[in-house]
Amino acid sequence: MSHFDLPRKLRPAIVSVLLFILCAVIQYWGLTHTRIGPPLYQMHPFVPFNIACIYLGYRFGLKVAMTSLGFSFLYLMYMMGLEFTASVRITALVNILICGFFIEIFRRLKQANEK
């Protein structure tokens, strides 16, 4: 194993962490520095994380994407204080399904393109 193999193996984790930090900054900035502020971000808290999840799924696969989305749920609940009400649970479930759907579409398109 050469010293070039380690960064290649850690690439999904590195990209996931960087995207997670970017999404957290976007989320915090949106809550505190925009006029639309808390009401809109409380209605759609997962938006930046969904886009990151779809990209990670396309780039690295479903396991990496869903891990990232799971960490984003934990971040929103414990760090941002999102209440895990029934509507948020439904939104979270819908987000998981949407992200999984898009990731599967991209995976199939990638397979078809390789053939």
C-alpha atoms as a PDB file:
ATOM      1  CA  MET A   1       0.000   0.000   0.000  1.00  0.00           C
ATOM      2  CA  SER A   2       1.523   3.274  -1.079  1.00  0.00           C
ATOM      3  CA  HIS A   3       1.086   6.622   0.606  1.00  0.00           C
ATOM      4  CA  PHE A   4      -1.243   7.654  -2.257  1.00  0.00           C
ATOM      5  CA  ASP A   5      -3.771   4.950  -1.393  1.00  0.00           C
ATOM      6  CA  LEU A   6      -4.793   6.430   1.968  1.00  0.00           C
ATOM      7  CA  PRO A   7      -6.119   9.762   0.593  1.00  0.00           C
ATOM      8  CA  ARG A   8      -7.964   7.855  -2.124  1.00  0.00           C
ATOM      9  CA  LYS A   9      -9.648   5.619   0.450  1.00  0.00           C
ATOM     10  CA  LEU A  10     -10.461   8.560   2.705  1.00  0.00           C
ATOM     11  CA  ARG A  11     -11.842  10.719  -0.122  1.00  0.00           C
ATOM     12  CA  PRO A  12     -15.541   9.930   0.628  1.00  0.00           C
ATOM     13  CA  ALA A  13     -15.084  10.853   4.283  1.00  0.00           C
ATOM     14  CA  ILE A  14     -13.139  14.023   3.495  1.00  0.00           C
ATOM     15  CA  VAL A  15     -15.665  15.223   0.913  1.00  0.00           C
ATOM     16  CA  SER A  16     -18.558  14.312   3.245  1.00  0.00           C
ATOM     17  CA  VAL A  17     -17.081  16.305   6.116  1.00  0.00           C
ATOM     18  CA  LEU A  18     -16.399  19.342   3.916  1.00  0.00           C
ATOM     19  CA  LEU A  19     -19.929  19.270   2.468  1.00  0.00           C
ATOM     20  CA  PHE A  20     -21.393  18.802   5.941  1.00  0.00           C
ATOM     21  CA  ILE A  21     -19.523  21.855   7.218  1.00  0.00           C
ATOM     22  CA  LEU A  22     -20.641  23.877   4.186  1.00  0.00           C
ATOM     23  CA  CYS A  23     -24.282  22.862   4.686  1.00  0.00           C
ATOM     24  CA  ALA A  24     -24.112  23.642   8.416  1.00  0.00           C
ATOM     25  CA  VAL A  25     -22.729  27.111   7.659  1.00  0.00           C
ATOM     26  CA  ILE A  26     -25.456  27.698   5.048  1.00  0.00           C
ATOM     27  CA  GLN A  27     -28.107  26.515   7.519  1.00  0.00           C
ATOM     28  CA  TYR A  28     -26.808  28.719  10.348  1.00  0.00           C
ATOM     29  CA  TRP A  29     -26.408  31.729   8.068  1.00  0.00           C
ATOM     30  CA  GLY A  30     -29.907  31.271   6.691  1.00  0.00           C
ATOM     31  CA  LEU A  31     -31.397  31.170  10.159  1.00  0.00           C
ATOM     32  CA  THR A  32     -29.616  34.250  11.403  1.00  0.00           C
ATOM     33  CA  HIS A  33     -28.865  36.555   8.467  1.00  0.00           C
ATOM     34  CA  THR A  34     -31.747  36.414   6.019  1.00  0.00           C
ATOM     35  CA  ARG A  35     -35.103  38.123   6.092  1.00  0.00           C
ATOM     36  CA  ILE A  36     -36.923  34.869   5.420  1.00  0.00           C
ATOM     37  CA  GLY A  37     -35.015  33.440   8.385  1.00  0.00           C
ATOM     38  CA  PRO A  38     -36.412  30.963  10.852  1.00  0.00           C
ATOM     39  CA  PRO A  39     -39.932  30.312   9.489  1.00  0.00           C
ATOM     40  CA  LEU A  40     -38.731  29.150   6.069  1.00  0.00           C
ATOM     41  CA  TYR A  41     -35.719  27.283   7.415  1.00  0.00           C
ATOM     42  CA  GLN A  42     -37.886  25.582  10.037  1.00  0.00           C
ATOM     43  CA  MET A  43     -40.288  24.462   7.316  1.00  0.00           C
ATOM     44  CA  HIS A  44     -37.484  23.159   5.043  1.00  0.00           C
ATOM     45  CA  PRO A  45     -34.508  22.473   7.315  1.00  0.00           C
ATOM     46  CA  PHE A  46     -32.960  19.699   5.229  1.00  0.00           C
ATOM     47  CA  VAL A  47     -32.638  21.506   1.881  1.00  0.00           C
ATOM     48  CA  PRO A  48     -28.858  22.124   1.814  1.00  0.00           C
ATOM     49  CA  PHE A  49     -28.215  18.672   3.252  1.00  0.00           C
ATOM     50  CA  ASN A  50     -30.430  17.007   0.628  1.00  0.00           C
ATOM     51  CA  ILE A  51     -28.429  18.489  -2.221  1.00  0.00           C
ATOM     52  CA  ALA A  52     -25.192  17.359  -0.564  1.00  0.00           C
ATOM     53  CA  CYS A  53     -26.666  13.895   0.000  1.00  0.00           C
ATOM     54  CA  ILE A  54     -27.664  13.509  -3.632  1.00  0.00           C
ATOM     55  CA  TYR A  55     -24.185  14.569  -4.766  1.00  0.00           C
ATOM     56  CA  LEU A  56     -22.492  12.166  -2.328  1.00  0.00           C
ATOM     57  CA  GLY A  57     -24.757   9.355  -3.501  1.00  0.00           C
ATOM     58  CA  TYR A  58     -23.921  10.052  -7.103  1.00  0.00           C
ATOM     59  CA  ARG A  59     -20.203  10.288  -6.392  1.00  0.00           C
ATOM     60  CA  PHE A  60     -19.631   7.653  -3.695  1.00  0.00           C
ATOM     61  CA  GLY A  61     -22.765   5.520  -3.373  1.00  0.00           C
ATOM     62  CA  LEU A  62     -25.835   5.151  -1.215  1.00  0.00           C
ATOM     63  CA  LYS A  63     -24.025   4.173   1.988  1.00  0.00           C
ATOM     64  CA  VAL A  64     -21.976   7.382   2.096  1.00  0.00           C
ATOM     65  CA  ALA A  65     -24.994   9.531   1.182  1.00  0.00           C
ATOM     66  CA  MET A  66     -27.309   8.076   3.808  1.00  0.00           C
ATOM     67  CA  THR A  67     -24.604   8.311   6.466  1.00  0.00           C
ATOM     68  CA  SER A  68     -24.223  11.988   5.650  1.00  0.00           C
ATOM     69  CA  LEU A  69     -27.983  12.538   5.745  1.00  0.00           C
ATOM     70  CA  GLY A  70     -28.186  10.735   9.103  1.00  0.00           C
ATOM     71  CA  PHE A  71     -25.508  13.012  10.556  1.00  0.00           C
ATOM     72  CA  SER A  72     -27.362  16.018   9.182  1.00  0.00           C
ATOM     73  CA  PHE A  73     -30.539  14.924  11.025  1.00  0.00           C
ATOM     74  CA  LEU A  74     -28.572  14.593  14.261  1.00  0.00           C
ATOM     75  CA  TYR A  75     -26.951  17.983  13.703  1.00  0.00           C
ATOM     76  CA  LEU A  76     -30.287  19.679  13.091  1.00  0.00           C
ATOM     77  CA  MET A  77     -31.848  18.099  16.178  1.00  0.00           C
ATOM     78  CA  TYR A  78     -29.051  18.475  18.696  1.00  0.00           C
ATOM     79  CA  MET A  79     -27.026  21.470  17.503  1.00  0.00           C
ATOM     80  CA  MET A  80     -29.672  23.629  15.814  1.00  0.00           C
ATOM     81  CA  GLY A  81     -32.451  22.690  18.229  1.00  0.00           C
ATOM     82  CA  LEU A  82     -34.920  21.387  15.635  1.00  0.00           C
ATOM     83  CA  GLU A  83     -37.883  19.835  17.398  1.00  0.00           C
ATOM     84  CA  PHE A  84     -38.556  16.357  16.111  1.00  0.00           C
ATOM     85  CA  THR A  85     -42.296  16.833  15.742  1.00  0.00           C
ATOM     86  CA  ALA A  86     -44.570  14.682  13.587  1.00  0.00           C
ATOM     87  CA  SER A  87     -44.266  17.052  10.621  1.00  0.00           C
ATOM     88  CA  VAL A  88     -40.463  17.024  10.860  1.00  0.00           C
ATOM     89  CA  ARG A  89     -40.500  13.213  11.012  1.00  0.00           C
ATOM     90  CA  ILE A  90     -42.621  13.082   7.869  1.00  0.00           C
ATOM     91  CA  THR A  91     -40.330  15.620   6.198  1.00  0.00           C
ATOM     92  CA  ALA A  92     -37.289  13.554   7.193  1.00  0.00           C
ATOM     93  CA  LEU A  93     -38.848  10.389   5.778  1.00  0.00           C
ATOM     94  CA  VAL A  94     -39.796  12.137   2.545  1.00  0.00           C
ATOM     95  CA  ASN A  95     -36.252  13.525   2.282  1.00  0.00           C
ATOM     96  CA  ILE A  96     -34.755  10.078   2.718  1.00  0.00           C
ATOM     97  CA  LEU A  97     -37.047   8.688   0.024  1.00  0.00           C
ATOM     98  CA  ILE A  98     -36.348  11.569  -2.380  1.00  0.00           C
ATOM     99  CA  CYS A  99     -32.599  11.344  -1.896  1.00  0.00           C
ATOM    100  CA  GLY A 100     -32.657   7.564  -2.266  1.00  0.00           C
ATOM    101  CA  PHE A 101     -34.748   7.880  -5.421  1.00  0.00           C
ATOM    102  CA  PHE A 102     -32.397  10.384  -7.048  1.00  0.00           C
ATOM    103  CA  ILE A 103     -29.332   8.402  -6.008  1.00  0.00           C
ATOM    104  CA  GLU A 104     -30.798   5.252  -7.569  1.00  0.00           C
ATOM    105  CA  ILE A 105     -31.598   7.129 -10.797  1.00  0.00           C
ATOM    106  CA  PHE A 106     -28.048   8.493 -10.968  1.00  0.00           C
ATOM    107  CA  ARG A 107     -26.600   5.043 -10.238  1.00  0.00           C
ATOM    108  CA  ARG A 108     -28.593   3.498 -13.068  1.00  0.00           C
ATOM    109  CA  LEU A 109     -27.627   6.310 -15.443  1.00  0.00           C
ATOM    110  CA  LYS A 110     -23.987   5.836 -14.509  1.00  0.00           C
ATOM    111  CA  GLN A 111     -24.244   2.083 -15.153  1.00  0.00           C
ATOM    112  CA  ALA A 112     -25.946   2.655 -18.490  1.00  0.00           C
ATOM    113  CA  ASN A 113     -23.303   5.179 -19.466  1.00  0.00           C
ATOM    114  CA  GLU A 114     -20.507   2.736 -18.605  1.00  0.00           C
ATOM    115  CA  LYS A 115     -22.081   0.023 -20.771  1.00  0.00           C
END
